[in-house]
């Protein structure tokens, strides 16, 4: 049986990993993996990490993913960009997420038919116009969120 000290250490590590998670895309149940070819409900979690309001969140959809619908997010407007085939390539939510708050955006998508890794690029705009890119381009800002398709 684990000691109280080891349980507290594990709890602290889990809290740190959540706190350092930044903008993330996970399945509705919080997993970072899904199955090939199925329709999955995903959630984009975006915390405000500055002393400014977040005013816009832009999500770039990975190749091979087909968005099918969105859950309504009160207080936000949503626009989508589509490619020549009519597939959604980007989603932009505009609204306000105050300091010490976070927003969740739910959407359904059909996963690619082949196994692999999806990289969800998120761009978070603050009220001063600054943009934090969660897209693997700047190690100081943060990585893109990844989903393993099995």
N, C-alpha and C. Protein backbone atom coordinates (compact mmCIF):
# COMPACT_ATOMS: atom_id res chain seq x y z
N UNK A 1 0.85 -1.18 0.00
CA UNK A 1 0.00 0.00 0.00
C UNK A 1 0.90 1.24 0.00
N UNK A 2 0.59 2.22 -0.88
CA UNK A 2 1.44 3.41 -0.97
C UNK A 2 1.35 4.26 0.30
N UNK A 3 2.44 4.90 0.62
CA UNK A 3 2.48 5.79 1.78
C UNK A 3 1.79 7.10 1.45
N UNK A 4 1.44 7.84 2.50
CA UNK A 4 0.82 9.14 2.32
C UNK A 4 1.75 10.08 1.56
N UNK A 5 3.04 10.00 1.85
CA UNK A 5 4.02 10.86 1.17
C UNK A 5 4.04 10.58 -0.33
N UNK A 6 4.03 9.29 -0.72
CA UNK A 6 4.06 8.96 -2.14
C UNK A 6 2.76 9.37 -2.83
N UNK A 7 1.63 9.25 -2.13
CA UNK A 7 0.36 9.70 -2.71
C UNK A 7 0.34 11.21 -2.90
N UNK A 8 0.89 11.95 -1.92
CA UNK A 8 0.95 13.41 -2.06
C UNK A 8 1.87 13.81 -3.21
N UNK A 9 3.00 13.09 -3.36
CA UNK A 9 3.92 13.39 -4.46
C UNK A 9 3.25 13.14 -5.80
N UNK A 10 2.52 12.03 -5.90
CA UNK A 10 1.81 11.71 -7.13
C UNK A 10 0.75 12.76 -7.42
N UNK A 11 0.00 13.17 -6.40
CA UNK A 11 -1.02 14.20 -6.58
C UNK A 11 -0.41 15.51 -7.06
N UNK A 12 0.71 15.89 -6.47
CA UNK A 12 1.39 17.13 -6.88
C UNK A 12 1.85 17.04 -8.32
N UNK A 13 2.39 15.89 -8.72
CA UNK A 13 2.84 15.71 -10.10
C UNK A 13 1.68 15.80 -11.07
N UNK A 14 0.55 15.21 -10.71
CA UNK A 14 -0.63 15.29 -11.58
C UNK A 14 -1.13 16.72 -11.71
N UNK A 15 -1.16 17.45 -10.61
CA UNK A 15 -1.59 18.85 -10.67
C UNK A 15 -0.65 19.68 -11.51
N UNK A 16 0.65 19.46 -11.40
CA UNK A 16 1.61 20.20 -12.22
C UNK A 16 1.42 19.88 -13.69
N UNK A 17 1.16 18.62 -14.02
CA UNK A 17 0.98 18.27 -15.43
C UNK A 17 -0.27 18.92 -15.99
N UNK A 18 -1.32 19.03 -15.18
CA UNK A 18 -2.53 19.70 -15.63
C UNK A 18 -2.27 21.20 -15.76
N UNK A 19 -1.58 21.78 -14.78
CA UNK A 19 -1.31 23.21 -14.82
C UNK A 19 -0.43 23.58 -16.00
N UNK A 20 0.46 22.69 -16.41
CA UNK A 20 1.37 22.97 -17.51
C UNK A 20 0.79 22.53 -18.85
N UNK A 21 -0.45 22.12 -18.86
CA UNK A 21 -1.04 21.54 -20.06
C UNK A 21 -1.34 22.58 -21.14
N UNK A 22 -1.58 23.82 -20.76
CA UNK A 22 -1.87 24.89 -21.71
C UNK A 22 -3.10 24.56 -22.54
N UNK A 23 -3.12 24.97 -23.79
CA UNK A 23 -4.26 24.69 -24.66
C UNK A 23 -4.16 23.24 -25.13
N UNK A 24 -5.17 22.46 -24.84
CA UNK A 24 -5.11 21.03 -25.17
C UNK A 24 -6.39 20.56 -25.85
N UNK A 25 -6.24 19.57 -26.71
CA UNK A 25 -7.37 18.87 -27.30
C UNK A 25 -7.30 17.44 -26.79
N UNK A 26 -8.39 16.99 -26.19
CA UNK A 26 -8.51 15.63 -25.68
C UNK A 26 -9.88 15.09 -26.11
N UNK A 27 -10.07 13.79 -25.94
CA UNK A 27 -11.39 13.25 -26.17
C UNK A 27 -12.32 13.80 -25.10
N UNK A 28 -13.60 13.63 -25.28
CA UNK A 28 -14.57 14.12 -24.31
C UNK A 28 -14.27 13.57 -22.92
N UNK A 29 -13.75 12.35 -22.84
CA UNK A 29 -13.45 11.73 -21.55
C UNK A 29 -12.03 12.04 -21.06
N UNK A 30 -11.30 12.88 -21.79
CA UNK A 30 -9.99 13.32 -21.32
C UNK A 30 -8.80 12.53 -21.82
N UNK A 31 -9.00 11.64 -22.80
CA UNK A 31 -7.90 10.82 -23.30
C UNK A 31 -7.14 11.52 -24.42
N UNK A 32 -5.88 11.15 -24.57
CA UNK A 32 -5.07 11.69 -25.67
C UNK A 32 -4.87 10.64 -26.75
N UNK A 33 -5.76 9.66 -26.79
CA UNK A 33 -5.73 8.66 -27.87
C UNK A 33 -7.15 8.29 -28.24
N UNK A 34 -7.29 7.83 -29.49
CA UNK A 34 -8.59 7.44 -30.01
C UNK A 34 -8.36 6.37 -31.07
N UNK A 35 -9.44 5.88 -31.66
CA UNK A 35 -9.33 4.81 -32.66
C UNK A 35 -9.48 5.37 -34.07
N UNK A 36 -8.82 4.74 -34.99
CA UNK A 36 -8.87 5.13 -36.40
C UNK A 36 -10.28 4.95 -36.95
N UNK A 37 -10.71 5.91 -37.77
CA UNK A 37 -11.95 5.80 -38.52
C UNK A 37 -13.24 6.04 -37.77
N UNK A 38 -13.18 6.30 -36.47
CA UNK A 38 -14.42 6.49 -35.72
C UNK A 38 -14.75 7.98 -35.60
N UNK A 39 -16.00 8.26 -35.26
CA UNK A 39 -16.38 9.63 -34.93
C UNK A 39 -16.19 9.79 -33.43
N UNK A 40 -15.46 10.83 -33.05
CA UNK A 40 -15.08 11.07 -31.66
C UNK A 40 -15.57 12.46 -31.26
N UNK A 41 -15.95 12.62 -30.01
CA UNK A 41 -16.21 13.94 -29.46
C UNK A 41 -14.93 14.41 -28.79
N UNK A 42 -14.46 15.58 -29.20
CA UNK A 42 -13.24 16.17 -28.65
C UNK A 42 -13.58 17.42 -27.87
N UNK A 43 -12.69 17.77 -26.95
CA UNK A 43 -12.82 19.03 -26.22
C UNK A 43 -11.51 19.80 -26.30
N UNK A 44 -11.62 21.06 -26.64
CA UNK A 44 -10.49 21.97 -26.64
C UNK A 44 -10.57 22.76 -25.35
N UNK A 45 -9.55 22.66 -24.51
CA UNK A 45 -9.50 23.36 -23.24
C UNK A 45 -8.47 24.48 -23.34
N UNK A 46 -8.91 25.72 -23.09
CA UNK A 46 -8.02 26.88 -23.23
C UNK A 46 -8.07 27.71 -21.96
N UNK A 47 -7.01 27.66 -21.15
CA UNK A 47 -6.95 28.53 -19.97
C UNK A 47 -6.32 29.87 -20.32
N UNK A 48 -6.74 30.91 -19.62
CA UNK A 48 -6.09 32.21 -19.75
C UNK A 48 -4.91 32.21 -18.79
N UNK A 49 -3.71 32.36 -19.33
CA UNK A 49 -2.50 32.25 -18.52
C UNK A 49 -1.79 33.58 -18.34
N UNK A 50 -2.45 34.67 -18.71
CA UNK A 50 -1.91 36.02 -18.50
C UNK A 50 -2.89 36.82 -17.66
N UNK A 51 -2.50 38.01 -17.28
CA UNK A 51 -3.39 38.92 -16.57
C UNK A 51 -4.21 39.75 -17.55
N UNK A 52 -4.56 39.15 -18.66
CA UNK A 52 -5.36 39.77 -19.71
C UNK A 52 -6.45 38.80 -20.13
N UNK A 53 -7.50 39.33 -20.74
CA UNK A 53 -8.54 38.44 -21.27
C UNK A 53 -8.06 37.76 -22.54
N UNK A 54 -8.44 36.50 -22.71
CA UNK A 54 -8.32 35.84 -24.00
C UNK A 54 -9.52 36.30 -24.81
N UNK A 55 -9.29 36.68 -26.06
CA UNK A 55 -10.38 37.20 -26.89
C UNK A 55 -10.67 36.35 -28.13
N UNK A 56 -9.70 35.50 -28.50
CA UNK A 56 -9.89 34.66 -29.69
C UNK A 56 -9.08 33.39 -29.55
N UNK A 57 -9.66 32.28 -30.00
CA UNK A 57 -8.97 31.00 -30.04
C UNK A 57 -9.13 30.45 -31.45
N UNK A 58 -8.00 30.15 -32.09
CA UNK A 58 -8.02 29.59 -33.45
C UNK A 58 -7.45 28.18 -33.38
N UNK A 59 -8.20 27.21 -33.88
CA UNK A 59 -7.80 25.81 -33.91
C UNK A 59 -7.60 25.39 -35.37
N UNK A 60 -6.41 24.88 -35.69
CA UNK A 60 -6.13 24.35 -37.02
C UNK A 60 -6.40 22.85 -36.97
N UNK A 61 -7.24 22.38 -37.88
CA UNK A 61 -7.65 20.98 -37.90
C UNK A 61 -6.59 20.15 -38.62
N UNK A 62 -6.12 19.06 -37.98
CA UNK A 62 -5.10 18.22 -38.63
C UNK A 62 -5.64 17.58 -39.91
N UNK A 63 -4.75 17.37 -40.86
CA UNK A 63 -5.12 16.69 -42.11
C UNK A 63 -5.71 15.33 -41.81
N UNK A 64 -6.75 14.97 -42.54
CA UNK A 64 -7.38 13.67 -42.37
C UNK A 64 -8.52 13.65 -41.37
N UNK A 65 -8.70 14.74 -40.61
CA UNK A 65 -9.78 14.83 -39.63
C UNK A 65 -10.95 15.57 -40.29
N UNK A 66 -12.15 15.02 -40.16
CA UNK A 66 -13.35 15.65 -40.73
C UNK A 66 -14.27 16.09 -39.60
N UNK A 67 -14.33 17.41 -39.35
CA UNK A 67 -15.25 17.93 -38.33
C UNK A 67 -16.68 17.78 -38.82
N UNK A 68 -17.56 17.33 -37.93
CA UNK A 68 -18.95 17.10 -38.34
C UNK A 68 -19.94 18.01 -37.64
N UNK A 69 -19.65 18.43 -36.39
CA UNK A 69 -20.56 19.34 -35.68
C UNK A 69 -19.88 19.92 -34.44
N UNK A 70 -20.54 20.96 -33.90
CA UNK A 70 -20.02 21.67 -32.73
C UNK A 70 -21.08 21.74 -31.65
N UNK A 71 -20.64 21.76 -30.41
CA UNK A 71 -21.54 22.09 -29.32
C UNK A 71 -21.56 23.62 -29.20
N UNK A 72 -22.73 24.16 -28.94
CA UNK A 72 -22.86 25.60 -28.76
C UNK A 72 -22.06 26.01 -27.52
N UNK A 73 -21.30 27.11 -27.65
CA UNK A 73 -20.54 27.65 -26.52
C UNK A 73 -21.07 29.05 -26.25
N UNK A 74 -21.92 29.18 -25.22
CA UNK A 74 -22.50 30.50 -24.92
C UNK A 74 -21.42 31.56 -24.71
N UNK A 75 -21.69 32.76 -25.24
CA UNK A 75 -20.76 33.88 -25.09
C UNK A 75 -19.68 33.94 -26.16
N UNK A 76 -19.68 32.98 -27.09
CA UNK A 76 -18.67 32.94 -28.15
C UNK A 76 -19.34 32.87 -29.51
N UNK A 77 -18.72 33.54 -30.48
CA UNK A 77 -19.12 33.36 -31.87
C UNK A 77 -18.09 32.43 -32.51
N UNK A 78 -18.53 31.68 -33.48
CA UNK A 78 -17.65 30.70 -34.14
C UNK A 78 -17.71 30.90 -35.64
N UNK A 79 -16.54 30.91 -36.27
CA UNK A 79 -16.47 30.90 -37.72
C UNK A 79 -15.57 29.75 -38.13
N UNK A 80 -15.80 29.24 -39.33
CA UNK A 80 -14.97 28.15 -39.83
C UNK A 80 -14.42 28.52 -41.20
N UNK A 81 -13.25 27.97 -41.48
CA UNK A 81 -12.68 28.07 -42.82
C UNK A 81 -12.68 26.66 -43.40
N UNK A 82 -13.03 26.58 -44.70
CA UNK A 82 -13.10 25.28 -45.36
C UNK A 82 -12.18 25.27 -46.57
N UNK A 83 -11.75 24.06 -46.94
CA UNK A 83 -10.94 23.93 -48.15
C UNK A 83 -11.85 23.71 -49.36
N UNK A 84 -11.26 23.49 -50.53
CA UNK A 84 -12.02 23.32 -51.77
C UNK A 84 -12.95 22.11 -51.73
N UNK A 85 -12.63 21.12 -50.89
CA UNK A 85 -13.47 19.92 -50.76
C UNK A 85 -14.59 20.11 -49.74
N UNK A 86 -14.65 21.28 -49.11
CA UNK A 86 -15.70 21.54 -48.13
C UNK A 86 -15.36 21.07 -46.72
N UNK A 87 -14.13 20.62 -46.50
CA UNK A 87 -13.72 20.16 -45.16
C UNK A 87 -13.26 21.35 -44.33
N UNK A 88 -13.62 21.35 -43.06
CA UNK A 88 -13.22 22.42 -42.15
C UNK A 88 -11.72 22.30 -41.89
N UNK A 89 -10.99 23.40 -42.11
CA UNK A 89 -9.55 23.42 -41.90
C UNK A 89 -9.16 24.25 -40.67
N UNK A 90 -10.01 25.21 -40.29
CA UNK A 90 -9.76 26.05 -39.12
C UNK A 90 -11.08 26.43 -38.48
N UNK A 91 -11.03 26.59 -37.16
CA UNK A 91 -12.18 27.08 -36.41
C UNK A 91 -11.69 28.25 -35.56
N UNK A 92 -12.46 29.34 -35.56
CA UNK A 92 -12.10 30.50 -34.76
C UNK A 92 -13.29 30.83 -33.85
N UNK A 93 -13.00 30.85 -32.54
CA UNK A 93 -13.99 31.24 -31.55
C UNK A 93 -13.60 32.62 -31.04
N UNK A 94 -14.56 33.55 -30.99
CA UNK A 94 -14.31 34.88 -30.43
C UNK A 94 -15.25 35.07 -29.25
N UNK A 95 -14.68 35.59 -28.17
CA UNK A 95 -15.43 35.82 -26.94
C UNK A 95 -14.47 36.31 -25.89
N UNK A 96 -14.79 36.08 -24.64
CA UNK A 96 -13.92 36.54 -23.55
C UNK A 96 -13.71 35.42 -22.54
N UNK A 97 -12.43 35.17 -22.24
CA UNK A 97 -12.04 34.28 -21.15
C UNK A 97 -11.15 35.11 -20.24
N UNK A 98 -11.64 35.44 -19.07
CA UNK A 98 -10.94 36.34 -18.14
C UNK A 98 -9.74 35.63 -17.50
N UNK A 99 -8.82 36.41 -16.92
CA UNK A 99 -7.71 35.80 -16.17
C UNK A 99 -8.24 34.85 -15.10
N UNK A 100 -7.52 33.76 -14.89
CA UNK A 100 -7.86 32.70 -13.93
C UNK A 100 -9.11 31.92 -14.34
N UNK A 101 -9.53 32.04 -15.60
CA UNK A 101 -10.64 31.25 -16.12
C UNK A 101 -10.15 30.42 -17.29
N UNK A 102 -10.98 29.46 -17.70
CA UNK A 102 -10.69 28.68 -18.91
C UNK A 102 -12.00 28.44 -19.63
N UNK A 103 -11.89 28.13 -20.89
CA UNK A 103 -13.07 27.81 -21.69
C UNK A 103 -12.86 26.43 -22.32
N UNK A 104 -13.97 25.73 -22.52
CA UNK A 104 -13.94 24.44 -23.21
C UNK A 104 -14.87 24.51 -24.41
N UNK A 105 -14.35 24.00 -25.52
CA UNK A 105 -15.10 23.98 -26.77
C UNK A 105 -15.18 22.52 -27.21
N UNK A 106 -16.40 22.01 -27.37
CA UNK A 106 -16.61 20.62 -27.76
C UNK A 106 -16.98 20.54 -29.24
N UNK A 107 -16.43 19.53 -29.90
CA UNK A 107 -16.77 19.30 -31.31
C UNK A 107 -16.65 17.82 -31.61
N UNK A 108 -17.37 17.39 -32.65
CA UNK A 108 -17.28 16.01 -33.10
C UNK A 108 -16.52 15.97 -34.41
N UNK A 109 -15.73 14.92 -34.56
CA UNK A 109 -14.92 14.77 -35.77
C UNK A 109 -14.73 13.29 -36.07
N UNK A 110 -14.59 12.99 -37.35
CA UNK A 110 -14.25 11.63 -37.77
C UNK A 110 -12.74 11.55 -37.89
N UNK A 111 -12.17 10.58 -37.17
CA UNK A 111 -10.72 10.38 -37.19
C UNK A 111 -10.26 9.84 -38.54
N UNK A 112 -8.99 10.07 -38.87
CA UNK A 112 -8.43 9.45 -40.08
C UNK A 112 -8.57 7.92 -40.02
N UNK A 113 -8.62 7.30 -41.19
CA UNK A 113 -8.76 5.83 -41.26
C UNK A 113 -7.50 5.11 -40.84
N UNK A 114 -6.35 5.75 -40.98
CA UNK A 114 -5.07 5.10 -40.66
C UNK A 114 -4.56 5.56 -39.29
N UNK A 115 -3.91 4.67 -38.56
CA UNK A 115 -3.28 5.06 -37.29
C UNK A 115 -2.20 6.11 -37.52
N UNK A 116 -1.91 6.87 -36.48
CA UNK A 116 -0.88 7.91 -36.55
C UNK A 116 -1.06 8.91 -35.43
N UNK A 117 -0.43 10.04 -35.57
CA UNK A 117 -0.52 11.08 -34.54
C UNK A 117 -1.11 12.35 -35.14
N UNK A 118 -2.11 12.89 -34.45
CA UNK A 118 -2.70 14.17 -34.85
C UNK A 118 -2.04 15.27 -34.04
N UNK A 119 -1.73 16.37 -34.69
CA UNK A 119 -1.17 17.53 -34.03
C UNK A 119 -2.17 18.67 -34.15
N UNK A 120 -2.74 19.09 -33.02
CA UNK A 120 -3.74 20.15 -32.99
C UNK A 120 -3.04 21.47 -32.69
N UNK A 121 -3.01 22.38 -33.64
CA UNK A 121 -2.36 23.67 -33.45
C UNK A 121 -3.41 24.68 -32.99
N UNK A 122 -3.07 25.37 -31.88
CA UNK A 122 -3.99 26.33 -31.28
C UNK A 122 -3.27 27.67 -31.16
N UNK A 123 -3.98 28.75 -31.51
CA UNK A 123 -3.44 30.10 -31.42
C UNK A 123 -4.39 30.91 -30.54
N UNK A 124 -3.86 31.39 -29.41
CA UNK A 124 -4.65 32.08 -28.40
C UNK A 124 -4.31 33.57 -28.43
N UNK A 125 -5.31 34.40 -28.70
CA UNK A 125 -5.11 35.84 -28.79
C UNK A 125 -5.63 36.50 -27.53
N UNK A 126 -4.82 37.42 -26.98
CA UNK A 126 -5.17 38.17 -25.78
C UNK A 126 -5.65 39.57 -26.15
N UNK A 127 -6.24 40.25 -25.19
CA UNK A 127 -6.84 41.57 -25.42
C UNK A 127 -5.82 42.64 -25.84
N UNK A 128 -4.53 42.41 -25.59
CA UNK A 128 -3.51 43.36 -26.05
C UNK A 128 -3.02 43.04 -27.46
N UNK A 129 -3.61 42.04 -28.10
CA UNK A 129 -3.22 41.65 -29.46
C UNK A 129 -2.13 40.60 -29.52
N UNK A 130 -1.52 40.26 -28.39
CA UNK A 130 -0.48 39.23 -28.39
C UNK A 130 -1.11 37.86 -28.65
N UNK A 131 -0.33 37.01 -29.31
CA UNK A 131 -0.80 35.66 -29.67
C UNK A 131 0.18 34.64 -29.11
N UNK A 132 -0.37 33.65 -28.40
CA UNK A 132 0.44 32.53 -27.94
C UNK A 132 0.14 31.37 -28.88
N UNK A 133 1.20 30.81 -29.46
CA UNK A 133 1.07 29.73 -30.43
C UNK A 133 1.38 28.40 -29.77
N UNK A 134 0.38 27.57 -29.64
CA UNK A 134 0.56 26.20 -29.14
C UNK A 134 0.68 25.31 -30.37
N UNK A 135 1.86 25.39 -31.03
CA UNK A 135 1.98 24.72 -32.33
C UNK A 135 3.36 24.12 -32.59
N UNK A 136 4.17 23.94 -31.58
CA UNK A 136 5.51 23.35 -31.68
C UNK A 136 6.55 24.28 -32.30
N UNK A 137 6.21 25.55 -32.60
CA UNK A 137 7.20 26.42 -33.24
C UNK A 137 8.10 27.13 -32.24
N UNK A 138 7.63 27.30 -30.98
CA UNK A 138 8.40 28.02 -29.99
C UNK A 138 8.38 27.24 -28.68
N UNK A 139 9.50 26.61 -28.30
CA UNK A 139 9.52 25.80 -27.08
C UNK A 139 9.19 26.60 -25.82
N UNK A 140 9.37 27.92 -25.84
CA UNK A 140 9.06 28.73 -24.67
C UNK A 140 7.56 28.90 -24.48
N UNK A 141 6.79 28.81 -25.56
CA UNK A 141 5.35 28.99 -25.44
C UNK A 141 4.65 27.67 -25.14
N UNK A 142 4.98 26.64 -25.86
CA UNK A 142 4.35 25.36 -25.59
C UNK A 142 4.13 24.53 -26.83
N UNK A 143 3.96 23.25 -26.60
CA UNK A 143 3.79 22.34 -27.72
C UNK A 143 2.34 22.31 -28.22
N UNK A 144 2.19 21.81 -29.43
CA UNK A 144 0.85 21.51 -29.94
C UNK A 144 0.32 20.30 -29.17
N UNK A 145 -0.97 20.26 -29.01
CA UNK A 145 -1.59 19.11 -28.36
C UNK A 145 -1.60 17.95 -29.35
N UNK A 146 -1.36 16.74 -28.86
CA UNK A 146 -1.27 15.56 -29.73
C UNK A 146 -2.33 14.53 -29.35
N UNK A 147 -2.84 13.85 -30.36
CA UNK A 147 -3.74 12.72 -30.17
C UNK A 147 -3.19 11.55 -30.96
N UNK A 148 -3.01 10.41 -30.30
CA UNK A 148 -2.56 9.20 -30.95
C UNK A 148 -3.77 8.45 -31.48
N UNK A 149 -3.77 8.17 -32.77
CA UNK A 149 -4.83 7.39 -33.40
C UNK A 149 -4.33 5.96 -33.57
N UNK A 150 -5.06 5.04 -32.96
CA UNK A 150 -4.65 3.63 -32.99
C UNK A 150 -5.57 2.81 -33.89
